[in-house]
Amino acid sequence: MSYTAIDDPDVDIISTKKYLKVFVDLRGKDLQVDKLLLRADNLHIYIYDPISNMIIKIINLPEIVEPLSLTINQRNDTITLTVKKINY
């Protein structure tokens, strides 16, 4: 099942049985993507730029996740985030 954030065309979320995969396109944002800081809570992922001291994105997740399971892969100016769902 795929979920696309309605308010952000730069974010795509794919839901599998155990994980959410979040694809964030930061091309053209004039950011040093490898310097960004990311943090997650149960329903959000925050992308922060320490150089400009600004929050770049707050991503609302469609399901509850385990924040400590956040993994990050970066290729060019696209970030792929994987986070494990909490199943009840």
PDB file of N, CA and C in Angstrom:
ATOM      1  N   MET A   1       0.840  -1.173   0.000  1.00  0.00           N
ATOM      2  CA  MET A   1       0.000   0.000   0.000  1.00  0.00           C
ATOM      3  C   MET A   1       0.888   1.240   0.000  1.00  0.00           C
ATOM      4  N   SER A   2       0.584   2.198  -0.807  1.00  0.00           N
ATOM      5  CA  SER A   2       1.368   3.419  -0.914  1.00  0.00           C
ATOM      6  C   SER A   2       0.572   4.582  -0.352  1.00  0.00           C
ATOM      7  N   TYR A   3       1.264   5.486   0.305  1.00  0.00           N
ATOM      8  CA  TYR A   3       0.638   6.660   0.887  1.00  0.00           C
ATOM      9  C   TYR A   3       1.461   7.852   0.465  1.00  0.00           C
ATOM     10  N   THR A   4       0.842   8.859  -0.080  1.00  0.00           N
ATOM     11  CA  THR A   4       1.539  10.075  -0.473  1.00  0.00           C
ATOM     12  C   THR A   4       1.025  11.217   0.383  1.00  0.00           C
ATOM     13  N   ALA A   5       1.939  11.957   0.963  1.00  0.00           N
ATOM     14  CA  ALA A   5       1.548  13.101   1.773  1.00  0.00           C
ATOM     15  C   ALA A   5       0.858  14.119   0.877  1.00  0.00           C
ATOM     16  N   ILE A   6      -0.369  14.449   1.170  1.00  0.00           N
ATOM     17  CA  ILE A   6      -1.164  15.341   0.332  1.00  0.00           C
ATOM     18  C   ILE A   6      -0.572  16.746   0.312  1.00  0.00           C
ATOM     19  N   ASP A   7      -0.054  17.189   1.436  1.00  0.00           N
ATOM     20  CA  ASP A   7       0.434  18.550   1.526  1.00  0.00           C
ATOM     21  C   ASP A   7       1.894  18.712   1.114  1.00  0.00           C
ATOM     22  N   ASP A   8       2.566  17.650   0.729  1.00  0.00           N
ATOM     23  CA  ASP A   8       3.981  17.745   0.370  1.00  0.00           C
ATOM     24  C   ASP A   8       4.305  16.838  -0.811  1.00  0.00           C
ATOM     25  N   PRO A   9       4.436  17.411  -2.002  1.00  0.00           N
ATOM     26  CA  PRO A   9       4.728  16.585  -3.183  1.00  0.00           C
ATOM     27  C   PRO A   9       6.144  16.006  -3.184  1.00  0.00           C
ATOM     28  N   ASP A  10       7.020  16.473  -2.275  1.00  0.00           N
ATOM     29  CA  ASP A  10       8.395  15.983  -2.213  1.00  0.00           C
ATOM     30  C   ASP A  10       8.541  14.739  -1.344  1.00  0.00           C
ATOM     31  N   VAL A  11       7.448  14.249  -0.747  1.00  0.00           N
ATOM     32  CA  VAL A  11       7.500  13.112   0.166  1.00  0.00           C
ATOM     33  C   VAL A  11       6.577  12.005  -0.332  1.00  0.00           C
ATOM     34  N   ASP A  12       7.118  10.790  -0.422  1.00  0.00           N
ATOM     35  CA  ASP A  12       6.315   9.603  -0.727  1.00  0.00           C
ATOM     36  C   ASP A  12       6.546   8.594   0.384  1.00  0.00           C
ATOM     37  N   ILE A  13       5.465   7.944   0.810  1.00  0.00           N
ATOM     38  CA  ILE A  13       5.550   6.951   1.877  1.00  0.00           C
ATOM     39  C   ILE A  13       4.987   5.641   1.362  1.00  0.00           C
ATOM     40  N   ILE A  14       5.778   4.580   1.507  1.00  0.00           N
ATOM     41  CA  ILE A  14       5.333   3.242   1.122  1.00  0.00           C
ATOM     42  C   ILE A  14       5.250   2.399   2.384  1.00  0.00           C
ATOM     43  N   SER A  15       4.110   1.764   2.563  1.00  0.00           N
ATOM     44  CA  SER A  15       3.876   0.938   3.743  1.00  0.00           C
ATOM     45  C   SER A  15       3.973  -0.532   3.369  1.00  0.00           C
ATOM     46  N   THR A  16       4.816  -1.272   4.108  1.00  0.00           N
ATOM     47  CA  THR A  16       4.871  -2.717   3.964  1.00  0.00           C
ATOM     48  C   THR A  16       4.307  -3.316   5.247  1.00  0.00           C
ATOM     49  N   LYS A  17       4.386  -4.624   5.367  1.00  0.00           N
ATOM     50  CA  LYS A  17       3.817  -5.275   6.548  1.00  0.00           C
ATOM     51  C   LYS A  17       4.494  -4.812   7.840  1.00  0.00           C
ATOM     52  N   LYS A  18       5.825  -4.644   7.826  1.00  0.00           N
ATOM     53  CA  LYS A  18       6.562  -4.300   9.044  1.00  0.00           C
ATOM     54  C   LYS A  18       7.172  -2.896   9.045  1.00  0.00           C
ATOM     55  N   TYR A  19       7.304  -2.278   7.882  1.00  0.00           N
ATOM     56  CA  TYR A  19       8.057  -1.030   7.805  1.00  0.00           C
ATOM     57  C   TYR A  19       7.316   0.045   7.020  1.00  0.00           C
ATOM     58  N   LEU A  20       7.696   1.300   7.304  1.00  0.00           N
ATOM     59  CA  LEU A  20       7.336   2.422   6.456  1.00  0.00           C
ATOM     60  C   LEU A  20       8.618   2.879   5.778  1.00  0.00           C
ATOM     61  N   LYS A  21       8.561   3.074   4.468  1.00  0.00           N
ATOM     62  CA  LYS A  21       9.690   3.635   3.728  1.00  0.00           C
ATOM     63  C   LYS A  21       9.260   5.028   3.284  1.00  0.00           C
ATOM     64  N   VAL A  22      10.081   5.999   3.634  1.00  0.00           N
ATOM     65  CA  VAL A  22       9.777   7.389   3.325  1.00  0.00           C
ATOM     66  C   VAL A  22      10.850   7.916   2.379  1.00  0.00           C
ATOM     67  N   PHE A  23      10.421   8.419   1.240  1.00  0.00           N
ATOM     68  CA  PHE A  23      11.329   8.972   0.241  1.00  0.00           C
ATOM     69  C   PHE A  23      11.146  10.490   0.238  1.00  0.00           C
ATOM     70  N   VAL A  24      12.240  11.221   0.475  1.00  0.00           N
ATOM     71  CA  VAL A  24      12.186  12.681   0.543  1.00  0.00           C
ATOM     72  C   VAL A  24      13.097  13.245  -0.539  1.00  0.00           C
ATOM     73  N   ASP A  25      12.517  13.995  -1.454  1.00  0.00           N
ATOM     74  CA  ASP A  25      13.255  14.613  -2.558  1.00  0.00           C
ATOM     75  C   ASP A  25      13.643  16.027  -2.148  1.00  0.00           C
ATOM     76  N   LEU A  26      14.943  16.268  -1.967  1.00  0.00           N
ATOM     77  CA  LEU A  26      15.431  17.584  -1.557  1.00  0.00           C
ATOM     78  C   LEU A  26      16.209  18.278  -2.667  1.00  0.00           C
ATOM     79  N   ARG A  27      16.036  17.819  -3.902  1.00  0.00           N
ATOM     80  CA  ARG A  27      16.724  18.453  -5.031  1.00  0.00           C
ATOM     81  C   ARG A  27      16.233  19.892  -5.188  1.00  0.00           C
ATOM     82  N   GLY A  28      17.155  20.772  -5.465  1.00  0.00           N
ATOM     83  CA  GLY A  28      16.808  22.170  -5.697  1.00  0.00           C
ATOM     84  C   GLY A  28      16.564  22.970  -4.431  1.00  0.00           C
ATOM     85  N   LYS A  29      16.806  22.396  -3.267  1.00  0.00           N
ATOM     86  CA  LYS A  29      16.568  23.095  -1.999  1.00  0.00           C
ATOM     87  C   LYS A  29      17.825  23.810  -1.500  1.00  0.00           C
ATOM     88  N   ASP A  30      18.961  23.656  -2.219  1.00  0.00           N
ATOM     89  CA  ASP A  30      20.225  24.278  -1.858  1.00  0.00           C
ATOM     90  C   ASP A  30      20.638  23.910  -0.431  1.00  0.00           C
ATOM     91  N   LEU A  31      20.636  22.595  -0.149  1.00  0.00           N
ATOM     92  CA  LEU A  31      21.009  22.073   1.173  1.00  0.00           C
ATOM     93  C   LEU A  31      22.206  21.149   1.046  1.00  0.00           C
ATOM     94  N   GLN A  32      22.989  21.052   2.098  1.00  0.00           N
ATOM     95  CA  GLN A  32      24.022  20.033   2.180  1.00  0.00           C
ATOM     96  C   GLN A  32      23.365  18.827   2.843  1.00  0.00           C
ATOM     97  N   VAL A  33      22.837  17.939   2.035  1.00  0.00           N
ATOM     98  CA  VAL A  33      22.010  16.833   2.515  1.00  0.00           C
ATOM     99  C   VAL A  33      22.762  15.948   3.504  1.00  0.00           C
ATOM    100  N   ASP A  34      24.053  15.772   3.305  1.00  0.00           N
ATOM    101  CA  ASP A  34      24.822  14.918   4.204  1.00  0.00           C
ATOM    102  C   ASP A  34      25.018  15.536   5.586  1.00  0.00           C
ATOM    103  N   LYS A  35      24.695  16.808   5.767  1.00  0.00           N
ATOM    104  CA  LYS A  35      24.834  17.486   7.065  1.00  0.00           C
ATOM    105  C   LYS A  35      23.510  17.573   7.832  1.00  0.00           C
ATOM    106  N   LEU A  36      22.406  17.174   7.222  1.00  0.00           N
ATOM    107  CA  LEU A  36      21.102  17.287   7.871  1.00  0.00           C
ATOM    108  C   LEU A  36      20.993  16.356   9.074  1.00  0.00           C
ATOM    109  N   LEU A  37      20.224  16.777  10.052  1.00  0.00           N
ATOM    110  CA  LEU A  37      19.945  15.967  11.238  1.00  0.00           C
ATOM    111  C   LEU A  37      18.505  15.481  11.155  1.00  0.00           C
ATOM    112  N   LEU A  38      18.295  14.206  11.493  1.00  0.00           N
ATOM    113  CA  LEU A  38      16.953  13.637  11.449  1.00  0.00           C
ATOM    114  C   LEU A  38      16.595  13.052  12.799  1.00  0.00           C
ATOM    115  N   ARG A  39      15.329  13.203  13.162  1.00  0.00           N
ATOM    116  CA  ARG A  39      14.830  12.676  14.418  1.00  0.00           C
ATOM    117  C   ARG A  39      13.406  12.199  14.181  1.00  0.00           C
ATOM    118  N   ALA A  40      13.001  11.180  14.920  1.00  0.00           N
ATOM    119  CA  ALA A  40      11.652  10.648  14.768  1.00  0.00           C
ATOM    120  C   ALA A  40      10.993  10.507  16.130  1.00  0.00           C
ATOM    121  N   ASP A  41       9.668  10.653  16.134  1.00  0.00           N
ATOM    122  CA  ASP A  41       8.882  10.234  17.280  1.00  0.00           C
ATOM    123  C   ASP A  41       7.871   9.235  16.735  1.00  0.00           C
ATOM    124  N   ASN A  42       6.868   8.890  17.481  1.00  0.00           N
ATOM    125  CA  ASN A  42       5.951   7.821  17.063  1.00  0.00           C
ATOM    126  C   ASN A  42       5.142   8.144  15.810  1.00  0.00           C
ATOM    127  N   LEU A  43       4.917   9.415  15.511  1.00  0.00           N
ATOM    128  CA  LEU A  43       4.079   9.771  14.367  1.00  0.00           C
ATOM    129  C   LEU A  43       4.702  10.788  13.403  1.00  0.00           C
ATOM    130  N   HIS A  44       5.953  11.193  13.644  1.00  0.00           N
ATOM    131  CA  HIS A  44       6.572  12.221  12.816  1.00  0.00           C
ATOM    132  C   HIS A  44       8.053  11.927  12.592  1.00  0.00           C
ATOM    133  N   ILE A  45       8.555  12.467  11.487  1.00  0.00           N
ATOM    134  CA  ILE A  45       9.999  12.513  11.250  1.00  0.00           C
ATOM    135  C   ILE A  45      10.339  13.979  11.008  1.00  0.00           C
ATOM    136  N   TYR A  46      11.381  14.447  11.684  1.00  0.00           N
ATOM    137  CA  TYR A  46      11.808  15.838  11.595  1.00  0.00           C
ATOM    138  C   TYR A  46      13.151  15.901  10.880  1.00  0.00           C
ATOM    139  N   ILE A  47      13.261  16.799   9.904  1.00  0.00           N
ATOM    140  CA  ILE A  47      14.511  17.009   9.187  1.00  0.00           C
ATOM    141  C   ILE A  47      14.965  18.437   9.497  1.00  0.00           C
ATOM    142  N   TYR A  48      16.164  18.544  10.074  1.00  0.00           N
ATOM    143  CA  TYR A  48      16.686  19.823  10.564  1.00  0.00           C
ATOM    144  C   TYR A  48      18.007  20.143   9.875  1.00  0.00           C
ATOM    145  N   ASP A  49      18.174  21.390   9.470  1.00  0.00           N
ATOM    146  CA  ASP A  49      19.416  21.852   8.855  1.00  0.00           C
ATOM    147  C   ASP A  49      20.185  22.691   9.871  1.00  0.00           C
ATOM    148  N   PRO A  50      21.286  22.147  10.437  1.00  0.00           N
ATOM    149  CA  PRO A  50      22.033  22.905  11.443  1.00  0.00           C
ATOM    150  C   PRO A  50      22.792  24.109  10.864  1.00  0.00           C
ATOM    151  N   ILE A  51      23.033  24.124   9.575  1.00  0.00           N
ATOM    152  CA  ILE A  51      23.756  25.241   8.958  1.00  0.00           C
ATOM    153  C   ILE A  51      22.891  26.502   8.950  1.00  0.00           C
ATOM    154  N   SER A  52      21.631  26.364   8.536  1.00  0.00           N
ATOM    155  CA  SER A  52      20.717  27.512   8.516  1.00  0.00           C
ATOM    156  C   SER A  52      19.897  27.618   9.795  1.00  0.00           C
ATOM    157  N   ASN A  53      20.035  26.627  10.698  1.00  0.00           N
ATOM    158  CA  ASN A  53      19.295  26.586  11.954  1.00  0.00           C
ATOM    159  C   ASN A  53      17.777  26.592  11.712  1.00  0.00           C
ATOM    160  N   MET A  54      17.347  25.759  10.742  1.00  0.00           N
ATOM    161  CA  MET A  54      15.929  25.695  10.378  1.00  0.00           C
ATOM    162  C   MET A  54      15.453  24.258  10.290  1.00  0.00           C
ATOM    163  N   ILE A  55      14.176  24.068  10.588  1.00  0.00           N
ATOM    164  CA  ILE A  55      13.540  22.783  10.332  1.00  0.00           C
ATOM    165  C   ILE A  55      13.139  22.779   8.865  1.00  0.00           C
ATOM    166  N   ILE A  56      13.619  21.775   8.122  1.00  0.00           N
ATOM    167  CA  ILE A  56      13.348  21.699   6.695  1.00  0.00           C
ATOM    168  C   ILE A  56      11.987  21.065   6.431  1.00  0.00           C
ATOM    169  N   LYS A  57      11.713  19.953   7.127  1.00  0.00           N
ATOM    170  CA  LYS A  57      10.448  19.241   6.929  1.00  0.00           C
ATOM    171  C   LYS A  57      10.024  18.559   8.213  1.00  0.00           C
ATOM    172  N   ILE A  58       8.722  18.505   8.407  1.00  0.00           N
ATOM    173  CA  ILE A  58       8.109  17.654   9.419  1.00  0.00           C
ATOM    174  C   ILE A  58       7.188  16.726   8.649  1.00  0.00           C
ATOM    175  N   ILE A  59       7.495  15.438   8.698  1.00  0.00           N
ATOM    176  CA  ILE A  59       6.729  14.451   7.932  1.00  0.00           C
ATOM    177  C   ILE A  59       5.766  13.746   8.874  1.00  0.00           C
ATOM    178  N   ASN A  60       4.483  13.860   8.583  1.00  0.00           N
ATOM    179  CA  ASN A  60       3.454  13.161   9.350  1.00  0.00           C
ATOM    180  C   ASN A  60       3.342  11.739   8.822  1.00  0.00           C
ATOM    181  N   LEU A  61       3.488  10.772   9.699  1.00  0.00           N
ATOM    182  CA  LEU A  61       3.437   9.370   9.297  1.00  0.00           C
ATOM    183  C   LEU A  61       2.015   8.824   9.442  1.00  0.00           C
ATOM    184  N   PRO A  62       1.612   7.928   8.545  1.00  0.00           N
ATOM    185  CA  PRO A  62       0.242   7.403   8.576  1.00  0.00           C
ATOM    186  C   PRO A  62       0.021   6.319   9.639  1.00  0.00           C
ATOM    187  N   GLU A  63       1.101   5.809  10.234  1.00  0.00           N
ATOM    188  CA  GLU A  63       0.984   4.751  11.240  1.00  0.00           C
ATOM    189  C   GLU A  63       1.976   5.008  12.358  1.00  0.00           C
ATOM    190  N   ILE A  64       1.738   4.395  13.504  1.00  0.00           N
ATOM    191  CA  ILE A  64       2.638   4.538  14.643  1.00  0.00           C
ATOM    192  C   ILE A  64       3.891   3.710  14.395  1.00  0.00           C
ATOM    193  N   VAL A  65       5.056   4.315  14.678  1.00  0.00           N
ATOM    194  CA  VAL A  65       6.337   3.659  14.404  1.00  0.00           C
ATOM    195  C   VAL A  65       7.220   3.655  15.652  1.00  0.00           C
ATOM    196  N   GLU A  66       8.275   2.839  15.585  1.00  0.00           N
ATOM    197  CA  GLU A  66       9.295   2.783  16.636  1.00  0.00           C
ATOM    198  C   GLU A  66      10.389   3.781  16.263  1.00  0.00           C
ATOM    199  N   PRO A  67      10.507   4.914  16.967  1.00  0.00           N
ATOM    200  CA  PRO A  67      11.455   5.965  16.579  1.00  0.00           C
ATOM    201  C   PRO A  67      12.916   5.524  16.547  1.00  0.00           C
ATOM    202  N   LEU A  68      13.302   4.626  17.424  1.00  0.00           N
ATOM    203  CA  LEU A  68      14.701   4.205  17.483  1.00  0.00           C
ATOM    204  C   LEU A  68      15.114   3.304  16.323  1.00  0.00           C
ATOM    205  N   SER A  69      14.155   2.875  15.518  1.00  0.00           N
ATOM    206  CA  SER A  69      14.465   2.006  14.383  1.00  0.00           C
ATOM    207  C   SER A  69      14.754   2.785  13.096  1.00  0.00           C
ATOM    208  N   LEU A  70      14.771   4.103  13.162  1.00  0.00           N
ATOM    209  CA  LEU A  70      14.980   4.941  11.983  1.00  0.00           C
ATOM    210  C   LEU A  70      16.348   4.684  11.358  1.00  0.00           C
ATOM    211  N   THR A  71      16.344   4.325  10.073  1.00  0.00           N
ATOM    212  CA  THR A  71      17.585   4.193   9.309  1.00  0.00           C
ATOM    213  C   THR A  71      17.515   5.143   8.121  1.00  0.00           C
ATOM    214  N   ILE A  72      18.684   5.621   7.706  1.00  0.00           N
ATOM    215  CA  ILE A  72      18.749   6.660   6.691  1.00  0.00           C
ATOM    216  C   ILE A  72      19.717   6.249   5.589  1.00  0.00           C
ATOM    217  N   ASN A  73      19.277   6.398   4.346  1.00  0.00           N
ATOM    218  CA  ASN A  73      20.143   6.222   3.180  1.00  0.00           C
ATOM    219  C   ASN A  73      20.010   7.473   2.333  1.00  0.00           C
ATOM    220  N   GLN A  74      21.131   7.961   1.840  1.00  0.00           N
ATOM    221  CA  GLN A  74      21.124   9.166   1.031  1.00  0.00           C
ATOM    222  C   GLN A  74      21.775   8.883  -0.311  1.00  0.00           C
ATOM    223  N   ARG A  75      21.129   9.313  -1.366  1.00  0.00           N
ATOM    224  CA  ARG A  75      21.694   9.200  -2.711  1.00  0.00           C
ATOM    225  C   ARG A  75      21.401  10.513  -3.428  1.00  0.00           C
ATOM    226  N   ASN A  76      22.466  11.209  -3.794  1.00  0.00           N
ATOM    227  CA  ASN A  76      22.358  12.546  -4.380  1.00  0.00           C
ATOM    228  C   ASN A  76      21.581  13.429  -3.406  1.00  0.00           C
ATOM    229  N   ASP A  77      20.499  14.015  -3.811  1.00  0.00           N
ATOM    230  CA  ASP A  77      19.712  14.862  -2.911  1.00  0.00           C
ATOM    231  C   ASP A  77      18.380  14.209  -2.533  1.00  0.00           C
ATOM    232  N   THR A  78      18.335  12.889  -2.551  1.00  0.00           N
ATOM    233  CA  THR A  78      17.145  12.151  -2.138  1.00  0.00           C
ATOM    234  C   THR A  78      17.500  11.313  -0.918  1.00  0.00           C
ATOM    235  N   ILE A  79      16.648  11.375   0.092  1.00  0.00           N
ATOM    236  CA  ILE A  79      16.852  10.619   1.328  1.00  0.00           C
ATOM    237  C   ILE A  79      15.791   9.529   1.396  1.00  0.00           C
ATOM    238  N   THR A  80      16.220   8.314   1.721  1.00  0.00           N
ATOM    239  CA  THR A  80      15.299   7.206   1.963  1.00  0.00           C
ATOM    240  C   THR A  80      15.366   6.861   3.443  1.00  0.00           C
ATOM    241  N   LEU A  81      14.234   6.951   4.100  1.00  0.00           N
ATOM    242  CA  LEU A  81      14.144   6.653   5.532  1.00  0.00           C
ATOM    243  C   LEU A  81      13.319   5.401   5.711  1.00  0.00           C
ATOM    244  N   THR A  82      13.780   4.527   6.570  1.00  0.00           N
ATOM    245  CA  THR A  82      13.034   3.302   6.886  1.00  0.00           C
ATOM    246  C   THR A  82      12.816   3.278   8.381  1.00  0.00           C
ATOM    247  N   VAL A  83      11.584   3.004   8.774  1.00  0.00           N
ATOM    248  CA  VAL A  83      11.242   2.964  10.182  1.00  0.00           C
ATOM    249  C   VAL A  83      10.268   1.803  10.418  1.00  0.00           C
ATOM    250  N   LYS A  84      10.441   1.100  11.524  1.00  0.00           N
ATOM    251  CA  LYS A  84       9.629  -0.078  11.830  1.00  0.00           C
ATOM    252  C   LYS A  84       8.295   0.336  12.451  1.00  0.00           C
ATOM    253  N   LYS A  85       7.222  -0.275  11.967  1.00  0.00           N
ATOM    254  CA  LYS A  85       5.892  -0.025  12.513  1.00  0.00           C
ATOM    255  C   LYS A  85       5.710  -0.715  13.853  1.00  0.00           C
ATOM    256  N   ILE A  86       4.871  -0.126  14.677  1.00  0.00           N
ATOM    257  CA  ILE A  86       4.449  -0.787  15.912  1.00  0.00           C
ATOM    258  C   ILE A  86       3.082  -1.372  15.629  1.00  0.00           C
ATOM    259  N   ASN A  87       3.024  -2.688  15.620  1.00  0.00           N
ATOM    260  CA  ASN A  87       1.757  -3.362  15.336  1.00  0.00           C
ATOM    261  C   ASN A  87       1.048  -3.705  16.644  1.00  0.00           C
ATOM    262  N   TYR A  88      -0.226  -3.374  16.713  1.00  0.00           N
ATOM    263  CA  TYR A  88      -1.018  -3.695  17.899  1.00  0.00           C
ATOM    264  C   TYR A  88      -1.928  -4.847  17.633  1.00  0.00           C
TER     265      TYR A  88
END
